[in-house]
Amino acid sequence: MSDAVDETTETPESKPVLRVVKGDPTAEELAALVAVVAARNAAAAAAAADSKPRPRSQWGHPTRQHRTPHRFGPGQWRASAF
């Protein structure tokens, strides 16, 4: 087995996400940094997903005011919801 890197798997435009510019961090320090960055990205994605508009509830829609009055009888409680 050789330690050579297979050049076919790497694309020329792939860049590292994080790069150590100064210092010599340990593996634990790098893992902590990656965990913090991943948590921030997950929180930002969750906030973006929550900001999407939700469908409007039909409960208070104005067209529901134009329905006929409730009738009394068997099974009419089911029909009153529509």
N, C-alpha and C. Protein backbone atom coordinates (compact mmCIF):
# COMPACT_ATOMS: atom_id res chain seq x y z
N MET A 1 0.84 -1.18 0.00
CA MET A 1 0.00 0.00 0.00
C MET A 1 0.88 1.24 0.00
N SER A 2 0.52 2.18 -0.80
CA SER A 2 1.29 3.42 -0.85
C SER A 2 0.52 4.52 -0.13
N ASP A 3 1.22 5.54 0.29
CA ASP A 3 0.62 6.66 0.99
C ASP A 3 0.26 7.79 0.02
N ALA A 4 0.31 7.54 -1.26
CA ALA A 4 0.03 8.58 -2.24
C ALA A 4 -1.47 8.87 -2.27
N VAL A 5 -1.80 10.12 -2.50
CA VAL A 5 -3.19 10.55 -2.57
C VAL A 5 -3.69 10.34 -3.99
N ASP A 6 -4.85 9.77 -4.12
CA ASP A 6 -5.44 9.55 -5.44
C ASP A 6 -5.89 10.90 -6.01
N GLU A 7 -5.30 11.32 -7.09
CA GLU A 7 -5.60 12.63 -7.68
C GLU A 7 -6.97 12.67 -8.36
N THR A 8 -7.55 11.53 -8.68
CA THR A 8 -8.82 11.52 -9.39
C THR A 8 -9.99 11.85 -8.48
N THR A 9 -9.85 11.68 -7.18
CA THR A 9 -10.97 11.96 -6.28
C THR A 9 -11.06 13.43 -5.90
N GLU A 10 -9.96 14.15 -5.96
CA GLU A 10 -9.98 15.56 -5.60
C GLU A 10 -10.25 16.41 -6.83
N THR A 11 -11.13 17.39 -6.66
CA THR A 11 -11.38 18.32 -7.75
C THR A 11 -10.52 19.55 -7.54
N PRO A 12 -10.14 20.24 -8.62
CA PRO A 12 -9.27 21.41 -8.46
C PRO A 12 -9.94 22.54 -7.69
N GLU A 13 -11.30 22.63 -7.73
CA GLU A 13 -11.97 23.73 -7.06
C GLU A 13 -12.32 23.42 -5.61
N SER A 14 -11.97 22.24 -5.10
CA SER A 14 -12.27 21.93 -3.70
C SER A 14 -11.25 22.63 -2.81
N LYS A 15 -11.78 23.35 -1.83
CA LYS A 15 -10.95 24.08 -0.89
C LYS A 15 -11.29 23.62 0.51
N PRO A 16 -10.33 23.68 1.43
CA PRO A 16 -10.65 23.30 2.81
C PRO A 16 -11.59 24.32 3.44
N VAL A 17 -12.47 23.84 4.29
CA VAL A 17 -13.42 24.73 4.95
C VAL A 17 -12.71 25.55 6.02
N LEU A 18 -11.86 24.92 6.78
CA LEU A 18 -11.08 25.59 7.81
C LEU A 18 -9.59 25.43 7.51
N ARG A 19 -8.84 26.45 7.86
CA ARG A 19 -7.40 26.40 7.64
C ARG A 19 -6.72 27.02 8.84
N VAL A 20 -5.72 26.34 9.37
CA VAL A 20 -4.95 26.85 10.51
C VAL A 20 -3.87 27.77 9.95
N VAL A 21 -3.94 29.04 10.31
CA VAL A 21 -2.99 30.02 9.80
C VAL A 21 -1.81 30.17 10.74
N LYS A 22 -2.08 30.13 12.03
CA LYS A 22 -1.01 30.37 13.00
C LYS A 22 -1.21 29.42 14.18
N GLY A 23 -0.15 28.90 14.70
CA GLY A 23 -0.21 28.03 15.87
C GLY A 23 -0.24 26.56 15.47
N ASP A 24 -0.31 25.73 16.49
CA ASP A 24 -0.32 24.28 16.29
C ASP A 24 -1.40 23.69 17.19
N PRO A 25 -2.67 23.72 16.75
CA PRO A 25 -3.75 23.22 17.61
C PRO A 25 -3.73 21.69 17.70
N THR A 26 -4.21 21.21 18.82
CA THR A 26 -4.29 19.77 18.99
C THR A 26 -5.53 19.25 18.28
N ALA A 27 -5.64 17.96 18.21
CA ALA A 27 -6.81 17.35 17.56
C ALA A 27 -8.08 17.68 18.33
N GLU A 28 -8.00 17.75 19.66
CA GLU A 28 -9.16 18.08 20.48
C GLU A 28 -9.62 19.53 20.24
N GLU A 29 -8.66 20.44 20.10
CA GLU A 29 -9.00 21.84 19.84
C GLU A 29 -9.66 21.99 18.47
N LEU A 30 -9.15 21.29 17.47
CA LEU A 30 -9.77 21.34 16.14
C LEU A 30 -11.16 20.73 16.17
N ALA A 31 -11.34 19.65 16.92
CA ALA A 31 -12.66 19.02 17.03
C ALA A 31 -13.64 19.97 17.69
N ALA A 32 -13.22 20.69 18.72
CA ALA A 32 -14.09 21.66 19.39
C ALA A 32 -14.47 22.79 18.43
N LEU A 33 -13.52 23.25 17.65
CA LEU A 33 -13.80 24.31 16.69
C LEU A 33 -14.79 23.85 15.62
N VAL A 34 -14.61 22.65 15.12
CA VAL A 34 -15.52 22.11 14.12
C VAL A 34 -16.92 21.94 14.70
N ALA A 35 -17.01 21.51 15.96
CA ALA A 35 -18.31 21.34 16.61
C ALA A 35 -19.03 22.68 16.75
N VAL A 36 -18.32 23.73 17.11
CA VAL A 36 -18.93 25.06 17.25
C VAL A 36 -19.40 25.58 15.90
N VAL A 37 -18.60 25.43 14.88
CA VAL A 37 -18.99 25.91 13.55
C VAL A 37 -20.19 25.12 13.03
N ALA A 38 -20.21 23.82 13.25
CA ALA A 38 -21.34 23.00 12.81
C ALA A 38 -22.62 23.37 13.55
N ALA A 39 -22.51 23.65 14.84
CA ALA A 39 -23.68 24.05 15.63
C ALA A 39 -24.22 25.39 15.15
N ARG A 40 -23.35 26.33 14.83
CA ARG A 40 -23.81 27.63 14.33
C ARG A 40 -24.50 27.48 12.98
N ASN A 41 -23.95 26.64 12.11
CA ASN A 41 -24.57 26.42 10.81
C ASN A 41 -25.93 25.74 10.96
N ALA A 42 -26.05 24.80 11.89
CA ALA A 42 -27.32 24.12 12.11
C ALA A 42 -28.35 25.10 12.67
N ALA A 43 -27.93 25.98 13.57
CA ALA A 43 -28.85 26.97 14.13
C ALA A 43 -29.31 27.95 13.06
N ALA A 44 -28.40 28.35 12.18
CA ALA A 44 -28.78 29.27 11.10
C ALA A 44 -29.74 28.60 10.12
N ALA A 45 -29.52 27.32 9.84
CA ALA A 45 -30.42 26.60 8.94
C ALA A 45 -31.80 26.42 9.57
N ALA A 46 -31.83 26.17 10.88
CA ALA A 46 -33.13 26.03 11.57
C ALA A 46 -33.87 27.36 11.59
N ALA A 47 -33.15 28.46 11.79
CA ALA A 47 -33.79 29.77 11.79
C ALA A 47 -34.33 30.11 10.40
N ALA A 48 -33.61 29.73 9.37
CA ALA A 48 -34.09 29.98 8.01
C ALA A 48 -35.31 29.14 7.70
N ALA A 49 -35.35 27.92 8.21
CA ALA A 49 -36.50 27.05 7.97
C ALA A 49 -37.73 27.57 8.72
N ASP A 50 -37.53 28.16 9.90
CA ASP A 50 -38.66 28.69 10.68
C ASP A 50 -39.21 29.97 10.09
N SER A 51 -38.42 30.69 9.31
CA SER A 51 -38.87 31.96 8.77
C SER A 51 -39.70 31.81 7.50
N LYS A 52 -39.86 30.58 7.00
CA LYS A 52 -40.67 30.37 5.81
C LYS A 52 -42.14 30.60 6.15
N PRO A 53 -42.89 31.20 5.24
CA PRO A 53 -44.30 31.45 5.54
C PRO A 53 -45.08 30.15 5.63
N ARG A 54 -45.94 30.09 6.61
CA ARG A 54 -46.78 28.91 6.80
C ARG A 54 -48.11 29.13 6.12
N PRO A 55 -48.77 28.07 5.72
CA PRO A 55 -50.07 28.24 5.08
C PRO A 55 -51.08 28.85 6.04
N ARG A 56 -51.93 29.70 5.50
CA ARG A 56 -52.91 30.40 6.31
C ARG A 56 -53.98 29.42 6.79
N SER A 57 -54.37 29.56 8.04
CA SER A 57 -55.41 28.72 8.60
C SER A 57 -56.75 29.10 7.98
N GLN A 58 -57.54 28.11 7.65
CA GLN A 58 -58.85 28.35 7.05
C GLN A 58 -59.92 28.64 8.11
N TRP A 59 -59.57 28.55 9.37
CA TRP A 59 -60.55 28.74 10.43
C TRP A 59 -61.15 30.14 10.40
N GLY A 60 -60.35 31.15 10.23
CA GLY A 60 -60.85 32.52 10.25
C GLY A 60 -61.01 33.13 8.87
N HIS A 61 -61.02 32.32 7.83
CA HIS A 61 -61.12 32.83 6.47
C HIS A 61 -62.50 33.45 6.24
N PRO A 62 -62.59 34.58 5.56
CA PRO A 62 -63.88 35.26 5.38
C PRO A 62 -64.94 34.43 4.66
N THR A 63 -64.54 33.51 3.80
CA THR A 63 -65.56 32.74 3.09
C THR A 63 -66.30 31.78 4.02
N ARG A 64 -65.75 31.50 5.18
CA ARG A 64 -66.44 30.63 6.13
C ARG A 64 -67.63 31.34 6.77
N GLN A 65 -67.71 32.64 6.65
CA GLN A 65 -68.84 33.38 7.22
C GLN A 65 -70.09 33.27 6.35
N HIS A 66 -69.95 32.76 5.14
CA HIS A 66 -71.07 32.69 4.21
C HIS A 66 -71.77 31.33 4.22
N ARG A 67 -71.54 30.55 5.21
CA ARG A 67 -72.15 29.24 5.23
C ARG A 67 -73.56 29.29 5.82
N THR A 68 -74.28 28.23 5.62
CA THR A 68 -75.65 28.15 6.12
C THR A 68 -75.64 27.91 7.62
N PRO A 69 -76.71 28.26 8.31
CA PRO A 69 -76.75 28.01 9.76
C PRO A 69 -76.77 26.52 10.06
N HIS A 70 -76.42 26.18 11.26
CA HIS A 70 -76.37 24.78 11.68
C HIS A 70 -77.78 24.19 11.73
N ARG A 71 -77.88 22.97 11.30
CA ARG A 71 -79.15 22.25 11.38
C ARG A 71 -79.04 21.24 12.51
N PHE A 72 -80.16 20.95 13.12
CA PHE A 72 -80.18 19.98 14.20
C PHE A 72 -80.59 18.63 13.66
N GLY A 73 -80.00 17.59 14.20
CA GLY A 73 -80.36 16.25 13.79
C GLY A 73 -79.19 15.31 13.90
N PRO A 74 -79.42 14.03 13.59
CA PRO A 74 -78.33 13.05 13.69
C PRO A 74 -77.22 13.34 12.68
N GLY A 75 -75.99 13.33 13.17
CA GLY A 75 -74.81 13.51 12.30
C GLY A 75 -74.54 14.94 11.90
N GLN A 76 -75.33 15.90 12.37
CA GLN A 76 -75.12 17.29 11.97
C GLN A 76 -73.92 17.93 12.66
N TRP A 77 -73.47 17.36 13.76
CA TRP A 77 -72.28 17.89 14.40
C TRP A 77 -71.06 17.68 13.53
N ARG A 78 -71.06 16.61 12.73
CA ARG A 78 -69.95 16.40 11.80
C ARG A 78 -70.01 17.43 10.68
N ALA A 79 -71.18 17.70 10.18
CA ALA A 79 -71.34 18.64 9.07
C ALA A 79 -71.08 20.07 9.49
N SER A 80 -71.12 20.36 10.77
CA SER A 80 -70.94 21.74 11.23
C SER A 80 -69.49 22.21 11.10
N ALA A 81 -68.57 21.29 10.94
CA ALA A 81 -67.16 21.66 10.84
C ALA A 81 -66.78 22.07 9.43
N PHE A 82 -67.66 21.88 8.44
CA PHE A 82 -67.31 22.20 7.06
C PHE A 82 -68.22 23.20 6.45
